[in-house]
Structure formats: structure tokens, C-alpha cells
Protein backbone atom coordinates (compact mmCIF):
# COMPACT_ATOMS: atom_id res chain seq x y z
CA MET A 1 20.40 -17.65 -22.14
CA HIS A 2 22.97 -18.96 -19.71
CA ALA A 3 22.87 -17.36 -16.26
CA THR A 4 26.62 -16.59 -16.30
CA ILE A 5 26.17 -14.42 -19.41
CA LYS A 6 23.26 -12.52 -17.87
CA ASP A 7 25.19 -12.05 -14.64
CA SER A 8 27.94 -10.20 -16.53
CA TYR A 9 25.52 -7.37 -17.37
CA GLN A 10 23.87 -4.70 -15.25
CA VAL A 11 20.24 -3.86 -15.94
CA VAL A 12 18.66 -0.46 -15.38
CA ILE A 13 14.87 -0.06 -15.58
CA GLY A 14 12.66 2.98 -15.14
CA LEU A 15 8.88 2.90 -15.32
CA GLU A 16 6.38 5.43 -16.63
CA ILE A 17 2.95 4.71 -15.21
CA HIS A 18 -0.16 6.42 -16.51
CA ILE A 19 -2.88 6.59 -13.87
CA GLN A 20 -6.34 7.40 -15.20
CA LEU A 21 -8.03 9.44 -12.49
CA LEU A 22 -11.55 8.63 -11.29
CA THR A 23 -13.04 12.07 -11.91
CA HIS A 24 -16.58 12.44 -13.23
CA SER A 25 -15.49 14.84 -15.96
CA LYS A 26 -12.45 15.27 -18.18
CA MET A 27 -9.26 17.14 -17.47
CA PHE A 28 -10.12 20.31 -19.38
CA SER A 29 -13.84 20.04 -20.16
CA SER A 30 -17.13 19.04 -18.56
CA ASP A 31 -17.51 15.96 -20.79
CA ARG A 32 -18.14 12.73 -18.90
CA ALA A 33 -15.08 10.61 -18.16
CA GLU A 34 -16.44 7.07 -18.07
CA TYR A 35 -15.42 3.70 -19.41
CA GLY A 36 -17.67 1.63 -21.67
CA ALA A 37 -19.91 4.33 -23.19
CA LEU A 38 -20.92 4.04 -26.84
CA PRO A 39 -18.13 5.33 -29.12
CA ASN A 40 -17.91 9.08 -29.56
CA THR A 41 -20.73 9.94 -27.15
CA ASN A 42 -18.72 11.65 -24.39
CA LEU A 43 -17.68 14.54 -26.58
CA SER A 44 -18.05 18.30 -26.85
CA PRO A 45 -16.45 21.03 -28.98
CA VAL A 46 -13.84 21.50 -26.21
CA THR A 47 -12.65 17.87 -26.39
CA LEU A 48 -12.58 18.06 -30.19
CA ALA A 49 -10.61 21.33 -30.02
CA CYS A 50 -13.06 23.24 -32.18
CA PRO A 51 -12.11 26.88 -32.93
CA GLY A 52 -13.12 29.29 -30.18
CA THR A 53 -13.17 26.72 -27.35
CA LEU A 54 -11.06 27.10 -24.23
CA PRO A 55 -9.90 24.47 -21.71
CA ARG A 56 -10.77 24.72 -18.02
CA VAL A 57 -8.77 22.80 -15.38
CA ASN A 58 -10.46 20.03 -13.37
CA LYS A 59 -9.76 20.77 -9.67
CA LYS A 60 -10.60 17.21 -8.59
CA ALA A 61 -7.72 15.93 -10.72
CA PHE A 62 -5.39 18.18 -8.74
CA ASP A 63 -6.88 16.86 -5.48
CA TYR A 64 -6.19 13.27 -6.55
CA ALA A 65 -2.64 14.05 -7.70
CA ILE A 66 -1.89 15.73 -4.37
CA LYS A 67 -3.27 12.68 -2.54
CA LEU A 68 -0.88 10.30 -4.30
CA GLY A 69 1.98 12.73 -3.82
CA LEU A 70 1.35 12.85 -0.07
CA ALA A 71 1.11 9.04 0.04
CA CYS A 72 4.53 8.76 -1.63
CA GLY A 73 6.24 11.49 0.39
CA SER A 74 6.61 13.75 -2.63
CA THR A 75 7.04 17.52 -2.62
CA ILE A 76 3.91 19.25 -3.92
CA THR A 77 4.61 22.02 -6.43
CA ASP A 78 2.96 25.28 -5.46
CA LEU A 79 2.95 27.16 -8.80
CA ASN A 80 1.81 24.90 -11.66
CA PHE A 81 2.00 25.67 -15.36
CA PHE A 82 0.70 23.61 -18.27
CA ALA A 83 2.41 23.15 -21.63
CA ARG A 84 1.60 21.93 -25.12
CA LYS A 85 3.36 18.74 -26.16
CA SER A 86 3.30 18.33 -29.92
CA TYR A 87 2.87 14.96 -31.50
CA PHE A 88 0.51 13.86 -34.18
CA TYR A 89 -1.59 10.76 -33.66
CA PRO A 90 -4.99 10.38 -35.33
CA ASP A 91 -6.65 9.78 -31.92
CA LEU A 92 -5.33 13.08 -30.51
CA PRO A 93 -7.97 15.64 -31.60
CA LYS A 94 -5.95 18.78 -30.87
CA GLY A 95 -2.80 17.62 -32.61
CA PHE A 96 -1.04 18.28 -29.29
CA GLN A 97 -1.42 17.18 -25.69
CA ILE A 98 -1.88 19.52 -22.74
CA THR A 99 0.52 18.35 -20.04
CA GLN A 100 2.85 19.59 -17.32
CA ASP A 101 6.45 20.01 -18.40
CA THR A 102 8.60 22.20 -16.16
CA THR A 103 6.35 22.13 -13.09
CA PRO A 104 5.12 18.61 -12.31
CA ILE A 105 2.54 18.64 -9.52
CA CYS A 106 4.62 16.15 -7.47
CA GLN A 107 8.40 15.88 -7.29
CA GLY A 108 10.52 13.23 -5.61
CA GLY A 109 9.20 10.72 -3.10
CA PHE A 110 9.46 6.94 -3.10
CA VAL A 111 7.48 3.71 -3.03
CA THR A 112 8.62 0.75 -0.93
CA ILE A 113 8.45 -2.69 -2.52
CA TYR A 114 9.20 -6.17 -1.20
CA THR A 115 11.53 -8.22 -3.37
CA ASN A 116 11.15 -11.96 -3.90
CA GLU A 117 13.70 -12.43 -1.11
CA GLY A 118 11.39 -10.51 1.25
CA VAL A 119 13.75 -7.53 1.42
CA GLU A 120 12.36 -3.98 1.49
CA LYS A 121 13.57 -1.71 -1.31
CA ALA A 122 12.65 1.95 -1.73
CA ILE A 123 12.15 2.92 -5.38
CA PRO A 124 12.72 6.67 -5.77
CA LEU A 125 10.31 8.71 -7.88
CA ILE A 126 11.38 11.53 -10.17
CA ARG A 127 8.03 13.21 -10.76
CA MET A 128 4.29 12.97 -11.27
CA HIS A 129 2.57 15.28 -13.69
CA LEU A 130 -0.99 15.90 -14.81
CA GLU A 131 -2.06 15.63 -18.44
CA GLU A 132 -4.88 14.50 -20.69
CA ASP A 133 -5.34 11.12 -22.33
CA THR A 134 -5.65 10.42 -26.05
CA GLY A 135 -8.58 8.73 -27.77
CA LYS A 136 -8.43 5.16 -29.07
CA SER A 137 -7.57 3.82 -32.51
CA ILE A 138 -9.51 0.62 -33.21
CA HIS A 139 -8.15 -1.79 -35.80
CA GLY A 140 -9.63 -4.90 -37.36
CA VAL A 141 -13.35 -4.12 -37.06
CA VAL A 142 -13.52 -2.92 -40.66
CA GLU A 143 -10.97 -4.35 -43.07
CA GLU A 144 -8.12 -1.94 -43.88
CA VAL A 145 -9.85 0.84 -41.96
CA THR A 146 -8.90 2.34 -38.59
CA LEU A 147 -11.82 3.56 -36.48
CA LEU A 148 -11.43 6.38 -33.97
CA ASP A 149 -13.21 6.62 -30.64
CA TYR A 150 -12.60 9.98 -28.94
CA ASN A 151 -14.45 9.16 -25.72
CA ARG A 152 -11.19 8.70 -23.80
CA ALA A 153 -9.62 11.88 -25.25
CA GLY A 154 -9.20 14.43 -22.50
CA THR A 155 -9.59 11.99 -19.60
CA PRO A 156 -7.34 13.08 -16.68
CA LEU A 157 -4.06 11.23 -16.38
CA LEU A 158 -1.41 11.37 -13.71
CA GLU A 159 1.90 10.15 -15.12
CA LEU A 160 4.32 8.77 -12.53
CA VAL A 161 7.98 8.46 -13.51
CA THR A 162 10.38 6.39 -11.40
CA ALA A 163 14.11 6.85 -11.13
CA PRO A 164 16.08 4.18 -13.04
CA ALA A 165 16.37 2.12 -9.86
CA ILE A 166 14.61 -1.11 -10.83
CA THR A 167 16.82 -4.02 -11.87
CA THR A 168 14.48 -6.93 -12.71
CA GLY A 169 11.07 -7.67 -14.14
CA GLU A 170 10.08 -9.05 -10.74
CA GLU A 171 10.84 -5.71 -9.08
CA ALA A 172 8.81 -3.91 -11.76
CA TYR A 173 5.91 -6.27 -11.01
CA GLN A 174 6.15 -5.52 -7.29
CA PHE A 175 6.29 -1.77 -7.94
CA LEU A 176 3.12 -1.91 -10.04
CA TYR A 177 1.47 -4.06 -7.39
CA GLU A 178 2.19 -1.42 -4.72
CA ILE A 179 1.08 1.47 -6.94
CA ARG A 180 -2.17 -0.30 -7.77
CA LYS A 181 -2.85 -0.82 -4.07
CA LEU A 182 -2.10 2.83 -3.33
CA VAL A 183 -4.40 4.29 -5.98
CA ARG A 184 -7.20 1.94 -4.91
CA TYR A 185 -6.80 2.79 -1.23
CA LEU A 186 -6.89 6.48 -2.14
CA ASP A 187 -9.93 5.95 -4.41
CA ILE A 188 -8.30 7.92 -7.21
CA CYS A 189 -8.12 5.13 -9.84
CA ASP A 190 -9.65 1.67 -10.16
CA GLY A 191 -6.25 0.23 -11.13
CA ASN A 192 -7.71 -1.91 -13.92
CA MET A 193 -4.90 -2.55 -16.41
CA GLU A 194 -7.17 -4.60 -18.69
CA GLU A 195 -9.36 -1.52 -19.20
CA ALA A 196 -6.24 0.67 -19.56
CA SER A 197 -7.03 2.82 -16.53
CA LEU A 198 -3.55 1.91 -15.28
CA ARG A 199 -0.89 1.66 -17.99
CA CYS A 200 2.82 1.06 -17.79
CA ASP A 201 5.73 1.75 -20.15
CA ALA A 202 9.16 0.41 -19.26
CA ASN A 203 12.51 1.98 -20.19
CA ILE A 204 15.19 -0.70 -20.19
CA SER A 205 18.93 -0.61 -20.77
CA VAL A 206 21.75 -3.08 -20.22
CA ALA A 207 25.50 -2.57 -20.03
CA ARG A 208 28.52 -4.58 -19.01
CA LYS A 209 29.01 -4.69 -15.26
CA GLY A 210 31.52 -2.09 -14.21
CA SER A 211 30.73 0.16 -17.17
CA LYS A 212 30.59 3.85 -16.29
CA GLN A 213 28.04 4.49 -19.02
CA LEU A 214 24.45 3.29 -19.08
CA GLY A 215 23.32 1.22 -22.01
CA VAL A 216 21.06 2.49 -24.78
CA ARG A 217 17.53 2.98 -23.47
CA VAL A 218 14.65 1.13 -25.15
CA GLU A 219 11.01 1.85 -24.31
CA VAL A 220 8.49 -1.00 -24.26
CA LYS A 221 4.74 -0.36 -24.51
CA ASN A 222 1.47 -2.33 -24.77
CA MET A 223 1.62 -4.23 -21.49
CA ASN A 224 -1.90 -4.68 -20.13
CA SER A 225 -1.14 -6.64 -16.96
CA MET A 226 1.51 -6.75 -14.27
CA ARG A 227 2.48 -10.23 -15.43
CA ASN A 228 2.97 -8.95 -19.00
CA VAL A 229 5.18 -6.14 -17.72
CA GLN A 230 7.37 -8.74 -16.03
CA LEU A 231 7.48 -10.95 -19.14
CA ALA A 232 8.18 -8.06 -21.51
CA ILE A 233 11.07 -6.80 -19.39
CA ALA A 234 12.56 -10.30 -19.10
CA HIS A 235 12.42 -10.73 -22.89
CA GLU A 236 13.83 -7.28 -23.60
CA ILE A 237 16.76 -7.82 -21.24
CA GLU A 238 17.68 -11.06 -23.01
CA ARG A 239 17.20 -9.46 -26.47
CA GLN A 240 19.55 -6.59 -25.67
CA ILE A 241 22.18 -8.84 -24.08
CA ALA A 242 22.06 -11.14 -27.12
CA LEU A 243 22.70 -8.16 -29.43
CA LEU A 244 25.64 -6.96 -27.37
CA GLU A 245 27.09 -10.48 -27.18
CA LYS A 246 27.07 -10.56 -31.01
CA GLY A 247 28.74 -7.15 -31.18
CA GLU A 248 25.62 -5.49 -32.58
CA PRO A 249 24.29 -2.14 -31.31
CA VAL A 250 21.09 -1.67 -29.33
CA ILE A 251 18.94 0.93 -31.09
CA ALA A 252 17.10 3.60 -29.10
CA GLU A 253 13.48 2.96 -30.06
CA THR A 254 9.97 2.29 -28.86
CA ARG A 255 8.95 -1.35 -29.02
CA ASN A 256 5.61 -3.10 -28.68
CA PHE A 257 5.10 -6.19 -26.50
CA GLN A 258 3.36 -9.04 -28.32
CA VAL A 259 1.40 -11.09 -25.80
CA ASP A 260 1.01 -14.15 -28.05
CA SER A 261 4.70 -14.57 -28.82
CA GLY A 262 6.07 -13.04 -25.61
CA GLU A 263 8.42 -10.90 -27.71
CA THR A 264 8.88 -7.20 -28.42
CA ILE A 265 8.81 -5.72 -31.93
CA SER A 266 9.99 -2.35 -33.18
CA LEU A 267 7.25 0.30 -33.28
CA ARG A 268 9.04 3.57 -34.05
CA ALA A 269 12.20 5.52 -33.41
CA LYS A 270 12.31 6.94 -29.88
CA GLU A 271 11.19 10.56 -29.74
CA THR A 272 13.34 13.09 -27.93
CA ALA A 273 12.14 16.01 -25.82
CA SER A 274 13.08 18.48 -28.57
CA GLU A 275 10.78 16.68 -31.02
CA TYR A 276 7.81 17.35 -28.75
CA ARG A 277 8.42 21.13 -29.07
CA TYR A 278 7.04 21.96 -25.62
CA PHE A 279 5.84 25.51 -25.11
CA PRO A 280 3.64 27.11 -22.43
CA GLU A 281 -0.11 26.49 -22.80
CA PRO A 282 -1.46 30.01 -23.50
CA ASP A 283 -5.09 29.23 -22.63
CA ILE A 284 -4.55 28.01 -19.04
CA PRO A 285 -3.37 30.41 -16.32
CA PRO A 286 -0.93 29.23 -13.60
CA ILE A 287 -2.53 27.09 -10.89
CA TRP A 288 -1.50 27.99 -7.33
CA VAL A 289 -1.57 25.10 -4.84
CA SER A 290 -1.62 26.65 -1.39
CA LYS A 291 -0.48 25.06 1.87
CA GLU A 292 -4.10 25.24 3.03
CA TRP A 293 -5.19 23.24 -0.03
CA ILE A 294 -2.55 20.58 0.65
CA GLU A 295 -3.50 20.35 4.34
CA SER A 296 -7.18 19.98 3.47
CA ILE A 297 -6.27 16.99 1.29
CA ARG A 298 -3.98 15.55 3.98
CA LYS A 299 -6.91 15.47 6.42
CA THR A 300 -8.87 13.20 4.06
CA MET A 301 -6.05 10.64 3.68
CA PRO A 302 -7.01 7.07 4.70
CA LEU A 303 -4.69 4.63 6.44
CA LEU A 304 -2.44 3.31 3.68
CA PRO A 305 -1.47 -0.31 2.86
CA ARG A 306 1.98 -0.14 4.45
CA ALA A 307 0.56 1.30 7.68
CA TYR A 308 -2.03 -1.49 7.83
CA PHE A 309 0.67 -4.08 7.04
CA ILE A 310 2.86 -2.92 9.92
CA LYS A 311 -0.13 -2.67 12.28
CA PHE A 312 -1.33 -6.18 11.47
CA ILE A 313 2.11 -7.63 12.23
CA GLU A 314 3.11 -5.54 15.24
CA VAL A 315 -0.27 -5.07 16.94
CA TYR A 316 -2.21 -8.18 15.92
CA GLY A 317 0.71 -10.60 15.63
CA LEU A 318 -0.02 -11.82 12.10
CA SER A 319 2.55 -13.39 9.81
CA GLU A 320 3.95 -11.27 6.98
CA TYR A 321 2.09 -13.46 4.49
CA ALA A 322 -1.30 -13.01 6.20
CA ALA A 323 -0.73 -9.27 6.61
CA SER A 324 0.24 -8.98 2.94
CA VAL A 325 -2.86 -10.78 1.66
CA LEU A 326 -5.21 -8.88 3.98
CA THR A 327 -3.83 -5.52 2.87
CA GLU A 328 -4.02 -6.33 -0.84
CA HIS A 329 -7.56 -4.94 -0.92
CA LYS A 330 -8.68 -1.93 1.10
CA ALA A 331 -12.04 -3.49 2.02
CA PHE A 332 -10.36 -6.55 3.57
CA ALA A 333 -7.91 -4.41 5.55
CA ILE A 334 -10.69 -2.22 6.94
CA PHE A 335 -12.95 -5.18 7.74
CA PHE A 336 -10.19 -7.12 9.50
CA ASP A 337 -9.11 -4.05 11.47
CA GLU A 338 -12.71 -3.51 12.57
CA LEU A 339 -13.04 -7.16 13.59
CA CYS A 340 -9.97 -6.77 15.79
CA GLN A 341 -11.63 -3.88 17.62
CA HIS A 342 -14.25 -6.36 18.89
CA THR A 343 -12.25 -9.55 19.47
CA THR A 344 -8.79 -10.57 20.62
CA TYR A 345 -8.79 -13.72 18.48
CA TYR A 346 -6.73 -11.93 15.83
CA THR A 347 -5.22 -14.96 14.10
CA ALA A 348 -8.58 -16.73 14.03
CA ALA A 349 -10.20 -13.65 12.46
CA ALA A 350 -7.48 -13.57 9.80
CA ASN A 351 -7.93 -17.29 9.09
CA TRP A 352 -11.67 -16.82 8.59
CA LEU A 353 -11.15 -14.00 6.12
CA LEU A 354 -8.36 -15.76 4.22
CA GLY A 355 -10.20 -19.10 4.19
CA PRO A 356 -14.00 -19.44 4.12
CA VAL A 357 -14.73 -15.79 3.34
CA LYS A 358 -12.29 -15.48 0.43
CA GLY A 359 -13.41 -18.87 -0.87
CA TYR A 360 -17.06 -17.83 -0.86
CA LEU A 361 -16.39 -14.46 -2.50
CA ASN A 362 -14.22 -16.00 -5.23
CA GLU A 363 -16.80 -18.70 -5.89
CA GLN A 364 -19.60 -16.12 -6.19
CA SER A 365 -17.42 -13.48 -7.93
CA LEU A 366 -18.43 -10.94 -5.29
CA PRO A 367 -16.56 -8.11 -3.59
CA LEU A 368 -16.27 -8.13 0.20
CA GLU A 369 -18.73 -5.23 0.36
CA GLU A 370 -21.49 -7.63 -0.72
CA LEU A 371 -20.83 -10.16 2.05
CA PRO A 372 -24.12 -10.24 3.99
CA LEU A 373 -22.55 -10.77 7.44
CA THR A 374 -21.86 -7.87 9.79
CA VAL A 375 -18.82 -7.49 12.02
CA ASP A 376 -20.94 -8.42 15.06
CA ARG A 377 -22.07 -11.68 13.45
CA PHE A 378 -18.50 -12.54 12.52
CA VAL A 379 -17.21 -11.86 16.01
CA ALA A 380 -19.93 -14.14 17.42
CA LEU A 381 -18.97 -16.88 14.95
CA ILE A 382 -15.26 -16.59 15.80
CA THR A 383 -16.02 -16.65 19.54
CA LEU A 384 -18.22 -19.72 19.12
CA VAL A 385 -15.27 -21.62 17.64
CA GLU A 386 -12.49 -20.23 19.82
CA SER A 387 -14.44 -20.90 23.02
CA GLY A 388 -14.51 -24.57 22.06
CA MET A 389 -18.27 -24.79 21.62
CA VAL A 390 -18.11 -25.65 17.90
CA HIS A 391 -15.28 -27.10 15.83
CA PHE A 392 -13.89 -24.81 13.09
CA SER A 393 -14.68 -27.23 10.25
CA VAL A 394 -18.27 -27.59 11.47
CA ALA A 395 -18.63 -23.82 11.74
CA ALA A 396 -17.12 -23.26 8.29
CA ASN A 397 -19.05 -25.99 6.49
CA GLN A 398 -22.44 -25.83 8.23
CA ILE A 399 -22.96 -22.63 10.23
CA PHE A 400 -21.25 -20.15 7.88
CA PRO A 401 -23.28 -21.16 4.77
CA LEU A 402 -26.56 -20.86 6.72
CA LEU A 403 -25.58 -17.45 8.07
CA LEU A 404 -24.98 -16.26 4.51
CA GLN A 405 -28.55 -17.24 3.66
CA GLN A 406 -30.04 -15.93 6.93
CA PRO A 407 -27.74 -13.11 8.10
CA ASP A 408 -30.19 -11.99 10.79
CA ILE A 409 -29.88 -15.21 12.78
CA THR A 410 -27.08 -15.60 15.34
CA PRO A 411 -24.32 -18.23 15.02
CA MET A 412 -25.33 -19.69 18.41
CA ALA A 413 -28.93 -20.08 17.25
CA VAL A 414 -27.76 -21.99 14.16
CA ALA A 415 -25.46 -24.20 16.25
CA GLU A 416 -28.27 -25.04 18.67
CA GLN A 417 -30.81 -25.56 15.89
CA LEU A 418 -28.51 -28.05 14.14
CA ASP A 419 -27.34 -29.61 17.43
CA LEU A 420 -23.70 -28.75 16.71
CA ILE A 421 -22.53 -27.64 20.15
CA GLN A 422 -19.39 -29.57 21.10
CA ASP A 423 -19.34 -31.89 24.09
CA SER A 424 -16.91 -30.43 26.64
CA ASP A 425 -18.02 -32.59 29.54
CA GLU A 426 -14.86 -34.37 30.75
CA ALA A 427 -16.75 -37.37 32.08
CA ASN A 428 -18.43 -37.96 28.70
CA LEU A 429 -15.13 -37.51 26.84
CA LYS A 430 -13.28 -39.89 29.15
CA ALA A 431 -15.96 -42.52 28.55
CA LEU A 432 -15.60 -42.07 24.76
CA ILE A 433 -11.81 -42.35 25.03
CA ALA A 434 -12.00 -45.50 27.15
CA GLU A 435 -14.37 -47.04 24.61
CA VAL A 436 -12.01 -46.27 21.67
CA LEU A 437 -8.91 -47.54 23.48
CA ALA A 438 -10.68 -50.74 24.52
CA ALA A 439 -11.65 -51.34 20.88
CA HIS A 440 -8.02 -51.05 19.66
CA PRO A 441 -5.74 -52.67 22.26
CA GLU A 442 -3.06 -53.56 19.70
CA LYS A 443 -2.89 -49.90 18.58
CA VAL A 444 -2.49 -48.80 22.18
CA VAL A 445 0.50 -51.12 22.52
CA ALA A 446 1.98 -49.84 19.25
CA TYR A 447 1.56 -46.24 20.42
CA LYS A 448 3.29 -46.96 23.69
CA ASN A 449 6.12 -48.60 21.70
CA GLY A 450 6.79 -45.31 19.88
CA LYS A 451 4.24 -45.01 17.07
CA SER A 452 3.06 -41.56 18.13
CA GLY A 453 1.34 -41.02 14.77
CA LEU A 454 -1.48 -43.27 15.98
CA LEU A 455 -2.72 -40.39 18.11
CA ALA A 456 -4.46 -38.99 15.02
CA MET A 457 -6.17 -42.34 14.42
CA PHE A 458 -7.50 -42.43 17.99
CA MET A 459 -8.77 -38.86 17.66
CA GLY A 460 -10.47 -39.72 14.39
CA GLU A 461 -12.33 -42.57 16.11
CA ILE A 462 -13.32 -40.34 19.01
CA MET A 463 -14.69 -37.66 16.66
CA LYS A 464 -16.54 -40.32 14.66
CA ASN A 465 -18.10 -41.92 17.72
CA SER A 466 -19.13 -38.51 19.06
CA GLN A 467 -20.57 -37.56 15.64
CA GLY A 468 -18.11 -34.67 15.51
CA LYS A 469 -19.31 -33.12 18.77
CA ALA A 470 -16.33 -33.89 20.97
CA ASN A 471 -14.33 -30.80 21.95
CA ALA A 472 -11.21 -31.73 19.97
CA PRO A 473 -8.53 -29.84 21.95
CA LEU A 474 -9.91 -31.08 25.26
CA ALA A 475 -10.39 -34.63 23.94
CA SER A 476 -6.81 -34.67 22.60
CA LYS A 477 -5.46 -33.61 25.99
CA LEU A 478 -7.51 -36.26 27.81
CA LEU A 479 -6.54 -38.91 25.23
CA GLU A 480 -2.82 -38.32 25.71
CA SER A 481 -3.29 -38.50 29.47
CA ALA A 482 -5.20 -41.77 29.16
CA LEU A 483 -2.60 -43.33 26.85
CA ASN A 484 0.28 -42.34 29.05
CA SER A 485 -1.41 -43.76 32.13
CA THR A 486 -2.50 -47.04 30.50
CA SER A 487 -0.45 -50.02 31.74
């Protein structure tokens, strides 16, 4: 679609994000809430809604919801009621869902994203409410038969609803990225979209620019990655604009994103609130969230990604890119921050984590928590390089791998054992430089005639002749001095 056509429309997007909470038990029963168990093994009469059973609220789910609310600057609702939401899916044992309707646990707040242009944008939130998950319908295992696994039924969910303030698929991607970081920092959800512990539905509408009315809202489901959310939104925007360009109406409906084709297909007519027939849940009394309860949760709050991001830039002088990558995972942010409590080589510490450390972890498919080196060992390794005793490439390619195998040995011991300590003796370096310059008189003349790029060639020869032991910064300084004084 031509860009000029797309530019004549305004796009409005709101997201509904279902966050599966990392509680040990389900929202209203003591059944285990775990991923990967054998089908229909995490069940009890309460989950199956057998006659005579009564739900009981999971306090830890409230704790986790309050945590995310505090992280987003939301208002925490003090008096909480639950409701029954009626809809009939085969994987919903009760025939209704217990959820919060009129009293969401969190109201308002915002999440700050960074657009592709590097601009901060605050996305307002409407609400977050607690509810229970459905089971799973499994198709294709037995021909023409749908299998039902109720293990997931009753698992605690926190549904986050944004204001319709997102305008592109890229912004939706960034919002999900920030939410995933938040829930992982707070340890309330693993954020794994592939395992459906973090799910996203997008409500999308388009209208002519300048129109006082919003376009017809279409909901898109079945997006199991942030990238798929971005692709689905991009496709749906173009689909709706194409309909309007042809004079055809956009129908309010729920559509499914097809990963293989990159298209959305109609799933069902969009339900309205009246069709859900909400009414108060008679079996659950009101839940009072006191100020003391909220304050007790506030005291457990960790430093959040944005706070680390700002600290890494303003206190440690990192670039926005380095700060962004280091704060992507909580373990990296904590480890880097701890490193900086023991060294002032902040940029060097960041380069080690973003380079050799990340490379090793990716190659071994390991989390940072399984890196065998302590903060003390890392500080010693960084100091060894920054003091000029060992070149970075030598430390990264020879010392670092040995330390991973023998984490109890010190970096200095490895450097001495392998005879890797750099030569910083000026007399020795001057002799090496004189030898290299004498061997390439024509290059010296060319350098003095303006070919400054030859400096790298001279340094390469010096490093080769010294078997990599020459202190490179010092040798470079002495080399330039020698070249400039050569007649």
C-alpha cells in the first residue's frame, strides 16, 4: 500500500495483555499452577466446578497485582469485588469466568516506551484486573476430535488494558517489551509468550485523519510473540484501510492472526459487555486492600528497569544503547551495578558483559546466574586490562576461557602462567619501534608524506614482533613520537 494512502488515515490501538502470575497454586483453589504437567493432572473438584465446591481467593495473586500497579504508578483499589462473566467455551469448566468487573485492583497509571526515533512516550493504562484463566483446547492430535486439558483452568491472570494511545505496530512491540521487562524484574511472571504465560490481544481501528469519530474496532488474537503482534497490527491496519478505500465497511469482530500467511481471518462476531451478563460473584466476599498491605508490598519492590537505565547513563556514563541492553534482563542489570560498586572502569565493565560474557552465555545457552565467575574475579580481570598489563583481546580469548574452567584461580595467576603480561618498559618498546621503522623506510617516508593510515601497519608489526606483549596504547604513543621526530 502506498505511503500517501496510509498517511491519510489515523490509527488507534489499544492492547489487552494477559499476565499469568507465578503463584504456586491457582486463583481460587489449591491446585498446582505449573506449566508442562501431564494433561488433566492439576485438577480438583473446585477447578472443575463440581456441586458443593467454593472458591477461595489466592492472596499471593493480589500481592503480585499490587506490585505491578505500584511499578506503573496506578491507584490501588481498596475494596475489591469479583464478578461472574458468562461465556461458554468447552475449556471453561464452570461455564463462566470469575473476574473483576467494577472494581479492578489497579486503575490508571502508565508505562513509558521508547519509539524507534528514540523519543519517550507514556502509554496510559485504563485498568488491571484479576481473573482466572481457561483450560486449553487441543486440535489435530486425534482426527476430527478436540481434546481438552484443564490444567491451565483457574490459573491466576492479571489483565492489563491500555488506553487507545498506541498508533503503530512498532509502538505495540515496544510496550510489550517494557511490560515483559517489568513483570520479570518483579518476579511475578516469566514473560514467556511462546508458553502463553504472557498473551496479547490488540484492538485496532482506523479512520480518516481529521475525523471526529473513531473507526470500527477490530480485535486480533493468537499472537504468540512480540514480533507477531507487530506483524498482525501492520496487516490489520492495511486490511482496514483497503476496505475503506473501496467504500466497504469494517466489521466489528474478533480475528485470528495466521503466522504462516501473516494475515488475519475472521473468528467470531465481537462480544459486547451486555453479552457477558456480568453479575456479582456470590461465593467470594469483598477483599479489602489496606494501606498497610500496600506499604508492605512497596517495601519489597526492586529497582526497576527505567531506574537502572537512568542510573547507568547518568551515574556510570554509559550510552543509551549499552544501558538499554544491560537493563533488558534483571540479572545483567544487578550484576553490572554490583561490578560498578567495586571498580570505576564502568565502560570497560559494560563492554565485557555485552561482549565476551554475552557471547559465552549465548553459545552455551546459559543464563547469567550460571556464569562461574564472581564479581571479584571480574573486577580483577577488568583491572588487569585497564591497567595496561594485558591487552583486551588476549584477556578475552585466553584468560577469560581459562577462568571459566578454573574459577578459583585469579586472572593475574593465569596471565603469569601463560606469560601474557604486556611489556610496558619504554626502553624495550623504543627498541622494537626503531627495529620496525628501520625495516620499512619507504613506509616511513609515505607516512610523513600524509599516509597516516600506515600507523596501523606499524603497530601491527610491533605487536607481531613483541608476540602480542607490547603495551599497545603506550607503544602507539611512542610510535607517533618516533615517526614525528624521524628526519
